[in-house]
């Protein structure tokens, strides 16, 4: 990540509730970005990611939506 100010940056990560997606969310949160991530299943995993983002010093919100479904994205 560059040295520029990231505190006003908003990042959207698809599949951020676990694995590589979670690690990406954490990296952005650690640099002060506000992170929004989607998940399709696993409410507990999404809650864990939100908690980790706070611990990393950032903000994050999980959104339960299947991005392959246009109606879910619009909602």
PDB file of N, CA and C in Angstrom:
ATOM      1  N   UNK A   1       0.841  -1.165   0.000  1.00  0.00           N
ATOM      2  CA  UNK A   1       0.000   0.000   0.000  1.00  0.00           C
ATOM      3  C   UNK A   1       0.890   1.234   0.000  1.00  0.00           C
ATOM      4  N   UNK A   2       0.500   2.242  -0.716  1.00  0.00           N
ATOM      5  CA  UNK A   2       1.300   3.453  -0.818  1.00  0.00           C
ATOM      6  C   UNK A   2       1.223   4.265   0.474  1.00  0.00           C
ATOM      7  N   UNK A   3       2.016   5.295   0.510  1.00  0.00           N
ATOM      8  CA  UNK A   3       2.064   6.157   1.689  1.00  0.00           C
ATOM      9  C   UNK A   3       0.946   7.191   1.729  1.00  0.00           C
ATOM     10  N   UNK A   4       0.130   7.286   0.679  1.00  0.00           N
ATOM     11  CA  UNK A   4      -0.920   8.297   0.665  1.00  0.00           C
ATOM     12  C   UNK A   4      -1.945   8.046   1.754  1.00  0.00           C
ATOM     13  N   UNK A   5      -2.670   9.085   2.123  1.00  0.00           N
ATOM     14  CA  UNK A   5      -3.678   9.004   3.178  1.00  0.00           C
ATOM     15  C   UNK A   5      -4.808   8.068   2.760  1.00  0.00           C
ATOM     16  N   UNK A   6      -5.019   7.001   3.508  1.00  0.00           N
ATOM     17  CA  UNK A   6      -6.071   6.042   3.184  1.00  0.00           C
ATOM     18  C   UNK A   6      -7.277   6.178   4.096  1.00  0.00           C
ATOM     19  N   UNK A   7      -7.265   7.122   5.028  1.00  0.00           N
ATOM     20  CA  UNK A   7      -8.351   7.209   6.007  1.00  0.00           C
ATOM     21  C   UNK A   7      -9.696   7.553   5.369  1.00  0.00           C
ATOM     22  N   UNK A   8      -9.678   8.164   4.198  1.00  0.00           N
ATOM     23  CA  UNK A   8     -10.939   8.500   3.546  1.00  0.00           C
ATOM     24  C   UNK A   8     -11.282   7.512   2.435  1.00  0.00           C
ATOM     25  N   UNK A   9     -10.516   6.463   2.311  1.00  0.00           N
ATOM     26  CA  UNK A   9     -10.734   5.486   1.251  1.00  0.00           C
ATOM     27  C   UNK A   9     -11.794   4.473   1.648  1.00  0.00           C
ATOM     28  N   UNK A  10     -12.598   4.092   0.668  1.00  0.00           N
ATOM     29  CA  UNK A  10     -13.597   3.045   0.851  1.00  0.00           C
ATOM     30  C   UNK A  10     -13.221   1.900  -0.073  1.00  0.00           C
ATOM     31  N   UNK A  11     -13.202   0.696   0.468  1.00  0.00           N
ATOM     32  CA  UNK A  11     -12.818  -0.483  -0.288  1.00  0.00           C
ATOM     33  C   UNK A  11     -13.969  -1.481  -0.247  1.00  0.00           C
ATOM     34  N   UNK A  12     -14.269  -2.091  -1.389  1.00  0.00           N
ATOM     35  CA  UNK A  12     -15.287  -3.132  -1.475  1.00  0.00           C
ATOM     36  C   UNK A  12     -14.583  -4.428  -1.870  1.00  0.00           C
ATOM     37  N   UNK A  13     -14.785  -5.465  -1.057  1.00  0.00           N
ATOM     38  CA  UNK A  13     -14.166  -6.768  -1.306  1.00  0.00           C
ATOM     39  C   UNK A  13     -15.267  -7.813  -1.440  1.00  0.00           C
ATOM     40  N   UNK A  14     -15.251  -8.545  -2.535  1.00  0.00           N
ATOM     41  CA  UNK A  14     -16.222  -9.627  -2.678  1.00  0.00           C
ATOM     42  C   UNK A  14     -15.637 -10.875  -2.039  1.00  0.00           C
ATOM     43  N   UNK A  15     -16.457 -11.558  -1.251  1.00  0.00           N
ATOM     44  CA  UNK A  15     -15.998 -12.771  -0.577  1.00  0.00           C
ATOM     45  C   UNK A  15     -15.025 -12.485   0.546  1.00  0.00           C
ATOM     46  N   UNK A  16     -15.341 -11.539   1.396  1.00  0.00           N
ATOM     47  CA  UNK A  16     -14.406 -11.119   2.433  1.00  0.00           C
ATOM     48  C   UNK A  16     -14.593 -11.741   3.795  1.00  0.00           C
ATOM     49  N   UNK A  17     -15.424 -12.758   3.920  1.00  0.00           N
ATOM     50  CA  UNK A  17     -15.700 -13.284   5.260  1.00  0.00           C
ATOM     51  C   UNK A  17     -14.698 -14.336   5.735  1.00  0.00           C
ATOM     52  N   UNK A  18     -13.839 -14.812   4.836  1.00  0.00           N
ATOM     53  CA  UNK A  18     -12.835 -15.804   5.259  1.00  0.00           C
ATOM     54  C   UNK A  18     -11.733 -15.924   4.215  1.00  0.00           C
ATOM     55  N   UNK A  19     -10.700 -16.645   4.551  1.00  0.00           N
ATOM     56  CA  UNK A  19      -9.621 -16.926   3.623  1.00  0.00           C
ATOM     57  C   UNK A  19      -8.905 -15.704   3.081  1.00  0.00           C
ATOM     58  N   UNK A  20      -8.593 -15.746   1.781  1.00  0.00           N
ATOM     59  CA  UNK A  20      -7.860 -14.660   1.138  1.00  0.00           C
ATOM     60  C   UNK A  20      -8.655 -13.351   1.207  1.00  0.00           C
ATOM     61  N   UNK A  21      -9.964 -13.430   1.005  1.00  0.00           N
ATOM     62  CA  UNK A  21     -10.790 -12.228   1.074  1.00  0.00           C
ATOM     63  C   UNK A  21     -10.696 -11.557   2.427  1.00  0.00           C
ATOM     64  N   UNK A  22     -10.708 -12.350   3.488  1.00  0.00           N
ATOM     65  CA  UNK A  22     -10.583 -11.783   4.845  1.00  0.00           C
ATOM     66  C   UNK A  22      -9.227 -11.120   5.013  1.00  0.00           C
ATOM     67  N   UNK A  23      -8.188 -11.763   4.533  1.00  0.00           N
ATOM     68  CA  UNK A  23      -6.840 -11.195   4.651  1.00  0.00           C
ATOM     69  C   UNK A  23      -6.742  -9.867   3.903  1.00  0.00           C
ATOM     70  N   UNK A  24      -7.378  -9.780   2.750  1.00  0.00           N
ATOM     71  CA  UNK A  24      -7.391  -8.528   1.990  1.00  0.00           C
ATOM     72  C   UNK A  24      -8.121  -7.447   2.785  1.00  0.00           C
ATOM     73  N   UNK A  25      -9.268  -7.799   3.352  1.00  0.00           N
ATOM     74  CA  UNK A  25     -10.021  -6.847   4.181  1.00  0.00           C
ATOM     75  C   UNK A  25      -9.175  -6.344   5.338  1.00  0.00           C
ATOM     76  N   UNK A  26      -8.496  -7.254   6.020  1.00  0.00           N
ATOM     77  CA  UNK A  26      -7.670  -6.879   7.171  1.00  0.00           C
ATOM     78  C   UNK A  26      -6.528  -5.954   6.759  1.00  0.00           C
ATOM     79  N   UNK A  27      -5.912  -6.227   5.619  1.00  0.00           N
ATOM     80  CA  UNK A  27      -4.798  -5.389   5.169  1.00  0.00           C
ATOM     81  C   UNK A  27      -5.270  -3.962   4.896  1.00  0.00           C
ATOM     82  N   UNK A  28      -6.405  -3.823   4.239  1.00  0.00           N
ATOM     83  CA  UNK A  28      -6.926  -2.482   3.987  1.00  0.00           C
ATOM     84  C   UNK A  28      -7.340  -1.798   5.287  1.00  0.00           C
ATOM     85  N   UNK A  29      -7.984  -2.520   6.189  1.00  0.00           N
ATOM     86  CA  UNK A  29      -8.415  -1.940   7.462  1.00  0.00           C
ATOM     87  C   UNK A  29      -7.217  -1.477   8.283  1.00  0.00           C
ATOM     88  N   UNK A  30      -6.142  -2.257   8.254  1.00  0.00           N
ATOM     89  CA  UNK A  30      -4.942  -1.894   8.999  1.00  0.00           C
ATOM     90  C   UNK A  30      -4.339  -0.594   8.488  1.00  0.00           C
ATOM     91  N   UNK A  31      -4.666  -0.240   7.262  1.00  0.00           N
ATOM     92  CA  UNK A  31      -4.181   1.017   6.684  1.00  0.00           C
ATOM     93  C   UNK A  31      -5.227   2.121   6.746  1.00  0.00           C
ATOM     94  N   UNK A  32      -6.261   1.909   7.565  1.00  0.00           N
ATOM     95  CA  UNK A  32      -7.236   2.955   7.833  1.00  0.00           C
ATOM     96  C   UNK A  32      -8.396   3.055   6.861  1.00  0.00           C
ATOM     97  N   UNK A  33      -8.502   2.123   5.939  1.00  0.00           N
ATOM     98  CA  UNK A  33      -9.602   2.174   4.974  1.00  0.00           C
ATOM     99  C   UNK A  33     -10.893   1.683   5.608  1.00  0.00           C
ATOM    100  N   UNK A  34     -11.990   2.198   5.117  1.00  0.00           N
ATOM    101  CA  UNK A  34     -13.312   1.692   5.479  1.00  0.00           C
ATOM    102  C   UNK A  34     -13.602   0.559   4.497  1.00  0.00           C
ATOM    103  N   UNK A  35     -13.898  -0.626   5.022  1.00  0.00           N
ATOM    104  CA  UNK A  35     -14.033  -1.820   4.193  1.00  0.00           C
ATOM    105  C   UNK A  35     -15.469  -2.347   4.225  1.00  0.00           C
ATOM    106  N   UNK A  36     -16.010  -2.583   3.058  1.00  0.00           N
ATOM    107  CA  UNK A  36     -17.295  -3.258   2.915  1.00  0.00           C
ATOM    108  C   UNK A  36     -17.016  -4.558   2.185  1.00  0.00           C
ATOM    109  N   UNK A  37     -17.559  -5.644   2.711  1.00  0.00           N
ATOM    110  CA  UNK A  37     -17.340  -6.934   2.055  1.00  0.00           C
ATOM    111  C   UNK A  37     -18.643  -7.698   1.986  1.00  0.00           C
ATOM    112  N   UNK A  38     -18.757  -8.531   0.979  1.00  0.00           N
ATOM    113  CA  UNK A  38     -19.967  -9.330   0.871  1.00  0.00           C
ATOM    114  C   UNK A  38     -19.669 -10.771   1.272  1.00  0.00           C
ATOM    115  N   UNK A  39     -20.736 -11.465   1.608  1.00  0.00           N
ATOM    116  CA  UNK A  39     -20.676 -12.895   1.885  1.00  0.00           C
ATOM    117  C   UNK A  39     -22.029 -13.472   1.538  1.00  0.00           C
ATOM    118  N   UNK A  40     -22.041 -14.757   1.205  1.00  0.00           N
ATOM    119  CA  UNK A  40     -23.299 -15.403   0.847  1.00  0.00           C
ATOM    120  C   UNK A  40     -23.775 -16.294   1.978  1.00  0.00           C
ATOM    121  N   UNK A  41     -22.863 -17.007   2.580  1.00  0.00           N
ATOM    122  CA  UNK A  41     -23.190 -17.852   3.729  1.00  0.00           C
ATOM    123  C   UNK A  41     -22.166 -17.583   4.831  1.00  0.00           C
ATOM    124  N   UNK A  42     -22.498 -17.948   6.027  1.00  0.00           N
ATOM    125  CA  UNK A  42     -21.549 -17.829   7.129  1.00  0.00           C
ATOM    126  C   UNK A  42     -21.640 -16.534   7.895  1.00  0.00           C
ATOM    127  N   UNK A  43     -22.780 -16.319   8.543  1.00  0.00           N
ATOM    128  CA  UNK A  43     -22.952 -15.115   9.357  1.00  0.00           C
ATOM    129  C   UNK A  43     -21.876 -14.999  10.433  1.00  0.00           C
ATOM    130  N   UNK A  44     -21.509 -16.132  11.038  1.00  0.00           N
ATOM    131  CA  UNK A  44     -20.498 -16.101  12.096  1.00  0.00           C
ATOM    132  C   UNK A  44     -19.137 -15.706  11.548  1.00  0.00           C
ATOM    133  N   UNK A  45     -18.787 -16.223  10.368  1.00  0.00           N
ATOM    134  CA  UNK A  45     -17.509 -15.870   9.745  1.00  0.00           C
ATOM    135  C   UNK A  45     -17.482 -14.382   9.405  1.00  0.00           C
ATOM    136  N   UNK A  46     -18.601 -13.853   8.927  1.00  0.00           N
ATOM    137  CA  UNK A  46     -18.683 -12.427   8.599  1.00  0.00           C
ATOM    138  C   UNK A  46     -18.528 -11.579   9.864  1.00  0.00           C
ATOM    139  N   UNK A  47     -19.167 -11.989  10.948  1.00  0.00           N
ATOM    140  CA  UNK A  47     -19.037 -11.267  12.213  1.00  0.00           C
ATOM    141  C   UNK A  47     -17.589 -11.298  12.704  1.00  0.00           C
ATOM    142  N   UNK A  48     -16.925 -12.427  12.514  1.00  0.00           N
ATOM    143  CA  UNK A  48     -15.510 -12.549  12.892  1.00  0.00           C
ATOM    144  C   UNK A  48     -14.660 -11.585  12.068  1.00  0.00           C
ATOM    145  N   UNK A  49     -14.936 -11.479  10.784  1.00  0.00           N
ATOM    146  CA  UNK A  49     -14.185 -10.542   9.940  1.00  0.00           C
ATOM    147  C   UNK A  49     -14.403  -9.114  10.417  1.00  0.00           C
ATOM    148  N   UNK A  50     -15.648  -8.737  10.704  1.00  0.00           N
ATOM    149  CA  UNK A  50     -15.923  -7.385  11.204  1.00  0.00           C
ATOM    150  C   UNK A  50     -15.130  -7.110  12.477  1.00  0.00           C
ATOM    151  N   UNK A  51     -15.084  -8.086  13.375  1.00  0.00           N
ATOM    152  CA  UNK A  51     -14.340  -7.939  14.619  1.00  0.00           C
ATOM    153  C   UNK A  51     -12.842  -7.764  14.344  1.00  0.00           C
ATOM    154  N   UNK A  52     -12.320  -8.548  13.415  1.00  0.00           N
ATOM    155  CA  UNK A  52     -10.891  -8.450  13.077  1.00  0.00           C
ATOM    156  C   UNK A  52     -10.549  -7.096  12.459  1.00  0.00           C
ATOM    157  N   UNK A  53     -11.474  -6.551  11.702  1.00  0.00           N
ATOM    158  CA  UNK A  53     -11.219  -5.253  11.085  1.00  0.00           C
ATOM    159  C   UNK A  53     -11.123  -4.168  12.144  1.00  0.00           C
ATOM    160  N   UNK A  54     -11.969  -4.241  13.163  1.00  0.00           N
ATOM    161  CA  UNK A  54     -11.887  -3.290  14.270  1.00  0.00           C
ATOM    162  C   UNK A  54     -10.561  -3.444  14.999  1.00  0.00           C
ATOM    163  N   UNK A  55     -10.170  -4.692  15.249  1.00  0.00           N
ATOM    164  CA  UNK A  55      -8.901  -4.968  15.924  1.00  0.00           C
ATOM    165  C   UNK A  55      -7.729  -4.430  15.116  1.00  0.00           C
ATOM    166  N   UNK A  56      -7.837  -4.513  13.791  1.00  0.00           N
ATOM    167  CA  UNK A  56      -6.772  -4.020  12.911  1.00  0.00           C
ATOM    168  C   UNK A  56      -6.725  -2.505  12.865  1.00  0.00           C
ATOM    169  N   UNK A  57      -7.736  -1.854  13.452  1.00  0.00           N
ATOM    170  CA  UNK A  57      -7.742  -0.407  13.502  1.00  0.00           C
ATOM    171  C   UNK A  57      -8.598   0.260  12.449  1.00  0.00           C
ATOM    172  N   UNK A  58      -9.375  -0.530  11.741  1.00  0.00           N
ATOM    173  CA  UNK A  58     -10.220   0.032  10.689  1.00  0.00           C
ATOM    174  C   UNK A  58     -11.690  -0.150  10.978  1.00  0.00           C
ATOM    175  N   UNK A  59     -12.475   0.078   9.954  1.00  0.00           N
ATOM    176  CA  UNK A  59     -13.916  -0.108  10.038  1.00  0.00           C
ATOM    177  C   UNK A  59     -14.322  -1.079   8.951  1.00  0.00           C
ATOM    178  N   UNK A  60     -15.303  -1.902   9.242  1.00  0.00           N
ATOM    179  CA  UNK A  60     -15.759  -2.834   8.225  1.00  0.00           C
ATOM    180  C   UNK A  60     -17.182  -3.275   8.446  1.00  0.00           C
ATOM    181  N   UNK A  61     -17.868  -3.521   7.334  1.00  0.00           N
ATOM    182  CA  UNK A  61     -19.241  -3.980   7.389  1.00  0.00           C
ATOM    183  C   UNK A  61     -19.412  -5.108   6.387  1.00  0.00           C
ATOM    184  N   UNK A  62     -19.976  -6.210   6.866  1.00  0.00           N
ATOM    185  CA  UNK A  62     -20.297  -7.315   5.981  1.00  0.00           C
ATOM    186  C   UNK A  62     -21.712  -7.187   5.459  1.00  0.00           C
ATOM    187  N   UNK A  63     -21.885  -7.505   4.188  1.00  0.00           N
ATOM    188  CA  UNK A  63     -23.193  -7.416   3.552  1.00  0.00           C
ATOM    189  C   UNK A  63     -23.527  -8.779   2.970  1.00  0.00           C
ATOM    190  N   UNK A  64     -24.633  -9.353   3.429  1.00  0.00           N
ATOM    191  CA  UNK A  64     -25.041 -10.672   2.950  1.00  0.00           C
ATOM    192  C   UNK A  64     -25.740 -10.500   1.603  1.00  0.00           C
ATOM    193  N   UNK A  65     -24.992 -10.728   0.526  1.00  0.00           N
ATOM    194  CA  UNK A  65     -25.540 -10.568  -0.823  1.00  0.00           C
ATOM    195  C   UNK A  65     -24.722 -11.403  -1.809  1.00  0.00           C
ATOM    196  N   UNK A  66     -25.409 -12.067  -2.694  1.00  0.00           N
ATOM    197  CA  UNK A  66     -24.771 -12.836  -3.763  1.00  0.00           C
ATOM    198  C   UNK A  66     -24.548 -11.898  -4.941  1.00  0.00           C
ATOM    199  N   UNK A  67     -23.296 -11.512  -5.197  1.00  0.00           N
ATOM    200  CA  UNK A  67     -23.014 -10.529  -6.231  1.00  0.00           C
ATOM    201  C   UNK A  67     -23.245 -11.061  -7.647  1.00  0.00           C
ATOM    202  N   UNK A  68     -23.511 -12.345  -7.775  1.00  0.00           N
ATOM    203  CA  UNK A  68     -23.835 -12.883  -9.096  1.00  0.00           C
ATOM    204  C   UNK A  68     -25.325 -12.714  -9.420  1.00  0.00           C
ATOM    205  N   UNK A  69     -26.089 -12.213  -8.458  1.00  0.00           N
ATOM    206  CA  UNK A  69     -27.527 -11.978  -8.636  1.00  0.00           C
ATOM    207  C   UNK A  69     -27.808 -10.473  -8.609  1.00  0.00           C
ATOM    208  N   UNK A  70     -28.227  -9.941  -9.738  1.00  0.00           N
ATOM    209  CA  UNK A  70     -28.433  -8.493  -9.851  1.00  0.00           C
ATOM    210  C   UNK A  70     -29.399  -7.950  -8.805  1.00  0.00           C
ATOM    211  N   UNK A  71     -30.483  -8.662  -8.540  1.00  0.00           N
ATOM    212  CA  UNK A  71     -31.449  -8.178  -7.542  1.00  0.00           C
ATOM    213  C   UNK A  71     -30.834  -8.103  -6.147  1.00  0.00           C
ATOM    214  N   UNK A  72     -29.990  -9.056  -5.807  1.00  0.00           N
ATOM    215  CA  UNK A  72     -29.334  -9.036  -4.506  1.00  0.00           C
ATOM    216  C   UNK A  72     -28.402  -7.847  -4.385  1.00  0.00           C
ATOM    217  N   UNK A  73     -27.699  -7.517  -5.460  1.00  0.00           N
ATOM    218  CA  UNK A  73     -26.800  -6.379  -5.454  1.00  0.00           C
ATOM    219  C   UNK A  73     -27.576  -5.078  -5.322  1.00  0.00           C
ATOM    220  N   UNK A  74     -28.677  -4.959  -6.044  1.00  0.00           N
ATOM    221  CA  UNK A  74     -29.499  -3.756  -5.972  1.00  0.00           C
ATOM    222  C   UNK A  74     -30.082  -3.549  -4.578  1.00  0.00           C
ATOM    223  N   UNK A  75     -30.446  -4.623  -3.928  1.00  0.00           N
ATOM    224  CA  UNK A  75     -31.031  -4.535  -2.585  1.00  0.00           C
ATOM    225  C   UNK A  75     -29.997  -4.053  -1.597  1.00  0.00           C
TER     226      UNK A  75
END
